[in-house]
Amino acid sequence: MTEFAGVSGNQLRQYIEQIEKLEEEKANIANDIREVFAEAKSNGFDPKIMRQVLKIRKMNKDELAEQEEVLNVYLQALGMATDS
């Protein structure tokens, strides 16, 4: 392949093919994750709640505390707060 306007066709093709391969792997992993959620659901677990747990586990303690504090303020403002 040749160069056009300073762009190496071979190098560009390598990048494109590498990205395509990674996109395919990403799709396969996403499918695997869906299968695990489906299996968990069939065993009585709630995938929606599991996704929330995963999100929380990714947060650091300060982020989590801040989010919980803001949530509590919002719930109180709406008269929905639970007394702990």
N, C-alpha and C. Protein backbone atom coordinates (compact mmCIF):
# COMPACT_ATOMS: atom_id res chain seq x y z
N MET A 1 0.84 -1.16 0.00
CA MET A 1 0.00 0.00 0.00
C MET A 1 0.90 1.24 0.00
N THR A 2 0.43 2.30 -0.50
CA THR A 2 1.22 3.51 -0.62
C THR A 2 0.80 4.55 0.41
N GLU A 3 1.53 5.65 0.35
CA GLU A 3 1.18 6.78 1.19
C GLU A 3 0.35 7.76 0.40
N PHE A 4 -0.55 8.41 1.11
CA PHE A 4 -1.35 9.45 0.48
C PHE A 4 -1.45 10.59 1.47
N ALA A 5 -1.04 11.74 1.06
CA ALA A 5 -1.06 12.94 1.91
C ALA A 5 -0.34 12.70 3.23
N GLY A 6 0.77 11.96 3.19
CA GLY A 6 1.56 11.69 4.39
C GLY A 6 1.00 10.61 5.30
N VAL A 7 -0.03 9.90 4.84
CA VAL A 7 -0.64 8.85 5.64
C VAL A 7 -0.22 7.50 5.08
N SER A 8 0.36 6.66 5.94
CA SER A 8 0.78 5.33 5.53
C SER A 8 -0.42 4.40 5.52
N GLY A 9 -0.75 3.88 4.35
CA GLY A 9 -1.89 2.97 4.22
C GLY A 9 -1.70 1.72 5.05
N ASN A 10 -0.48 1.18 5.09
CA ASN A 10 -0.23 -0.05 5.86
C ASN A 10 -0.41 0.18 7.35
N GLN A 11 0.14 1.29 7.83
CA GLN A 11 0.01 1.58 9.25
C GLN A 11 -1.45 1.82 9.63
N LEU A 12 -2.16 2.57 8.80
CA LEU A 12 -3.58 2.83 9.06
C LEU A 12 -4.38 1.54 9.07
N ARG A 13 -4.12 0.65 8.12
CA ARG A 13 -4.81 -0.64 8.05
C ARG A 13 -4.57 -1.44 9.33
N GLN A 14 -3.34 -1.42 9.84
CA GLN A 14 -3.03 -2.15 11.07
C GLN A 14 -3.85 -1.62 12.25
N TYR A 15 -3.93 -0.29 12.35
CA TYR A 15 -4.72 0.30 13.42
C TYR A 15 -6.19 -0.08 13.29
N ILE A 16 -6.71 0.03 12.10
CA ILE A 16 -8.12 -0.29 11.86
C ILE A 16 -8.40 -1.75 12.20
N GLU A 17 -7.55 -2.65 11.75
CA GLU A 17 -7.75 -4.08 12.02
C GLU A 17 -7.62 -4.39 13.51
N GLN A 18 -6.71 -3.70 14.19
CA GLN A 18 -6.56 -3.90 15.63
C GLN A 18 -7.82 -3.44 16.37
N ILE A 19 -8.35 -2.29 15.97
CA ILE A 19 -9.58 -1.78 16.59
C ILE A 19 -10.75 -2.72 16.31
N GLU A 20 -10.85 -3.22 15.08
CA GLU A 20 -11.92 -4.16 14.75
C GLU A 20 -11.84 -5.41 15.62
N LYS A 21 -10.63 -5.91 15.83
CA LYS A 21 -10.44 -7.11 16.65
C LYS A 21 -10.86 -6.83 18.09
N LEU A 22 -10.47 -5.67 18.62
CA LEU A 22 -10.84 -5.31 19.98
C LEU A 22 -12.34 -5.11 20.12
N GLU A 23 -12.98 -4.51 19.11
CA GLU A 23 -14.44 -4.35 19.13
C GLU A 23 -15.14 -5.70 19.16
N GLU A 24 -14.61 -6.65 18.42
CA GLU A 24 -15.19 -8.00 18.42
C GLU A 24 -15.03 -8.66 19.79
N GLU A 25 -13.84 -8.49 20.39
CA GLU A 25 -13.61 -9.04 21.72
C GLU A 25 -14.54 -8.39 22.74
N LYS A 26 -14.73 -7.07 22.60
CA LYS A 26 -15.62 -6.34 23.51
C LYS A 26 -17.04 -6.87 23.40
N ALA A 27 -17.50 -7.13 22.17
CA ALA A 27 -18.84 -7.67 21.97
C ALA A 27 -18.96 -9.06 22.61
N ASN A 28 -17.93 -9.87 22.47
CA ASN A 28 -17.95 -11.21 23.08
C ASN A 28 -18.00 -11.12 24.60
N ILE A 29 -17.23 -10.19 25.17
CA ILE A 29 -17.22 -10.03 26.62
C ILE A 29 -18.58 -9.53 27.09
N ALA A 30 -19.16 -8.57 26.37
CA ALA A 30 -20.49 -8.06 26.73
C ALA A 30 -21.52 -9.19 26.71
N ASN A 31 -21.41 -10.09 25.75
CA ASN A 31 -22.31 -11.24 25.68
C ASN A 31 -22.10 -12.16 26.88
N ASP A 32 -20.84 -12.38 27.24
CA ASP A 32 -20.54 -13.21 28.41
C ASP A 32 -21.15 -12.61 29.68
N ILE A 33 -21.05 -11.28 29.81
CA ILE A 33 -21.60 -10.60 30.97
C ILE A 33 -23.12 -10.76 31.00
N ARG A 34 -23.77 -10.60 29.85
CA ARG A 34 -25.23 -10.80 29.78
C ARG A 34 -25.60 -12.21 30.22
N GLU A 35 -24.81 -13.19 29.82
CA GLU A 35 -25.09 -14.57 30.19
C GLU A 35 -24.97 -14.78 31.70
N VAL A 36 -23.98 -14.14 32.32
CA VAL A 36 -23.82 -14.26 33.78
C VAL A 36 -25.00 -13.61 34.49
N PHE A 37 -25.44 -12.44 34.01
CA PHE A 37 -26.62 -11.80 34.60
C PHE A 37 -27.85 -12.69 34.43
N ALA A 38 -28.01 -13.30 33.27
CA ALA A 38 -29.16 -14.18 33.03
C ALA A 38 -29.12 -15.39 33.97
N GLU A 39 -27.94 -15.94 34.17
CA GLU A 39 -27.80 -17.07 35.08
C GLU A 39 -28.13 -16.65 36.51
N ALA A 40 -27.62 -15.49 36.91
CA ALA A 40 -27.91 -14.99 38.26
C ALA A 40 -29.41 -14.77 38.44
N LYS A 41 -30.05 -14.21 37.41
CA LYS A 41 -31.50 -13.97 37.47
C LYS A 41 -32.26 -15.28 37.61
N SER A 42 -31.82 -16.30 36.88
CA SER A 42 -32.50 -17.60 36.96
C SER A 42 -32.32 -18.25 38.33
N ASN A 43 -31.32 -17.77 39.08
CA ASN A 43 -31.10 -18.26 40.44
C ASN A 43 -31.69 -17.33 41.49
N GLY A 44 -32.56 -16.39 41.05
CA GLY A 44 -33.29 -15.56 41.99
C GLY A 44 -32.68 -14.21 42.31
N PHE A 45 -31.56 -13.86 41.69
CA PHE A 45 -30.95 -12.56 41.95
C PHE A 45 -31.50 -11.51 40.99
N ASP A 46 -31.50 -10.26 41.42
CA ASP A 46 -32.02 -9.16 40.63
C ASP A 46 -30.86 -8.47 39.90
N PRO A 47 -30.78 -8.63 38.59
CA PRO A 47 -29.67 -8.04 37.83
C PRO A 47 -29.58 -6.52 37.97
N LYS A 48 -30.72 -5.86 38.11
CA LYS A 48 -30.71 -4.41 38.26
C LYS A 48 -29.97 -4.01 39.55
N ILE A 49 -30.26 -4.71 40.62
CA ILE A 49 -29.59 -4.45 41.89
C ILE A 49 -28.12 -4.85 41.81
N MET A 50 -27.84 -5.94 41.13
CA MET A 50 -26.45 -6.37 40.96
C MET A 50 -25.64 -5.29 40.24
N ARG A 51 -26.24 -4.65 39.24
CA ARG A 51 -25.55 -3.57 38.51
C ARG A 51 -25.28 -2.39 39.45
N GLN A 52 -26.22 -2.10 40.34
CA GLN A 52 -25.99 -1.04 41.32
C GLN A 52 -24.84 -1.40 42.26
N VAL A 53 -24.79 -2.64 42.69
CA VAL A 53 -23.71 -3.10 43.57
C VAL A 53 -22.37 -2.96 42.85
N LEU A 54 -22.33 -3.35 41.59
CA LEU A 54 -21.09 -3.23 40.82
C LEU A 54 -20.64 -1.77 40.72
N LYS A 55 -21.60 -0.88 40.50
CA LYS A 55 -21.29 0.54 40.41
C LYS A 55 -20.73 1.06 41.73
N ILE A 56 -21.35 0.66 42.82
CA ILE A 56 -20.91 1.08 44.15
C ILE A 56 -19.51 0.55 44.45
N ARG A 57 -19.26 -0.68 44.08
CA ARG A 57 -17.94 -1.28 44.36
C ARG A 57 -16.81 -0.57 43.62
N LYS A 58 -17.14 0.10 42.51
CA LYS A 58 -16.12 0.84 41.75
C LYS A 58 -15.78 2.19 42.38
N MET A 59 -16.67 2.68 43.25
CA MET A 59 -16.48 4.00 43.87
C MET A 59 -15.51 3.91 45.04
N ASN A 60 -14.83 5.03 45.28
CA ASN A 60 -14.05 5.06 46.51
C ASN A 60 -14.97 5.50 47.64
N LYS A 61 -14.52 5.38 48.88
CA LYS A 61 -15.37 5.64 50.05
C LYS A 61 -15.91 7.07 50.05
N ASP A 62 -15.08 8.03 49.69
CA ASP A 62 -15.51 9.44 49.71
C ASP A 62 -16.62 9.69 48.69
N GLU A 63 -16.45 9.14 47.49
CA GLU A 63 -17.49 9.30 46.45
C GLU A 63 -18.81 8.69 46.91
N LEU A 64 -18.71 7.51 47.48
CA LEU A 64 -19.91 6.82 47.95
C LEU A 64 -20.60 7.60 49.06
N ALA A 65 -19.83 8.08 50.02
CA ALA A 65 -20.40 8.84 51.13
C ALA A 65 -21.07 10.11 50.61
N GLU A 66 -20.43 10.79 49.67
CA GLU A 66 -21.00 12.01 49.11
C GLU A 66 -22.31 11.71 48.38
N GLN A 67 -22.30 10.65 47.58
CA GLN A 67 -23.50 10.29 46.84
C GLN A 67 -24.65 9.93 47.78
N GLU A 68 -24.35 9.18 48.83
CA GLU A 68 -25.39 8.81 49.79
C GLU A 68 -25.93 10.03 50.51
N GLU A 69 -25.05 10.98 50.83
CA GLU A 69 -25.47 12.20 51.51
C GLU A 69 -26.40 13.03 50.62
N VAL A 70 -26.03 13.20 49.37
CA VAL A 70 -26.87 13.96 48.44
C VAL A 70 -28.20 13.24 48.22
N LEU A 71 -28.17 11.93 48.07
CA LEU A 71 -29.40 11.17 47.91
C LEU A 71 -30.33 11.38 49.10
N ASN A 72 -29.76 11.33 50.30
CA ASN A 72 -30.57 11.52 51.51
C ASN A 72 -31.18 12.92 51.54
N VAL A 73 -30.41 13.94 51.14
CA VAL A 73 -30.94 15.30 51.09
C VAL A 73 -32.11 15.37 50.12
N TYR A 74 -31.95 14.79 48.95
CA TYR A 74 -33.03 14.79 47.95
C TYR A 74 -34.27 14.08 48.46
N LEU A 75 -34.06 12.92 49.08
CA LEU A 75 -35.20 12.16 49.61
C LEU A 75 -35.92 12.93 50.71
N GLN A 76 -35.15 13.59 51.57
CA GLN A 76 -35.76 14.39 52.62
C GLN A 76 -36.55 15.54 52.02
N ALA A 77 -36.01 16.19 50.98
CA ALA A 77 -36.69 17.31 50.34
C ALA A 77 -38.01 16.86 49.73
N LEU A 78 -38.09 15.60 49.32
CA LEU A 78 -39.31 15.06 48.72
C LEU A 78 -40.20 14.37 49.75
N GLY A 79 -39.78 14.39 51.01
CA GLY A 79 -40.56 13.73 52.06
C GLY A 79 -40.52 12.23 51.97
N MET A 80 -39.46 11.70 51.39
CA MET A 80 -39.36 10.25 51.18
C MET A 80 -38.27 9.60 52.04
N ALA A 81 -37.60 10.38 52.87
CA ALA A 81 -36.47 9.85 53.63
C ALA A 81 -36.95 8.82 54.63
N THR A 82 -36.14 7.80 54.78
CA THR A 82 -36.43 6.78 55.79
C THR A 82 -35.61 7.13 57.02
N ASP A 83 -36.17 7.00 58.16
CA ASP A 83 -35.43 7.28 59.40
C ASP A 83 -34.54 6.10 59.70
N SER A 84 -33.24 6.41 59.84
CA SER A 84 -32.26 5.35 60.12
C SER A 84 -31.90 5.32 61.56
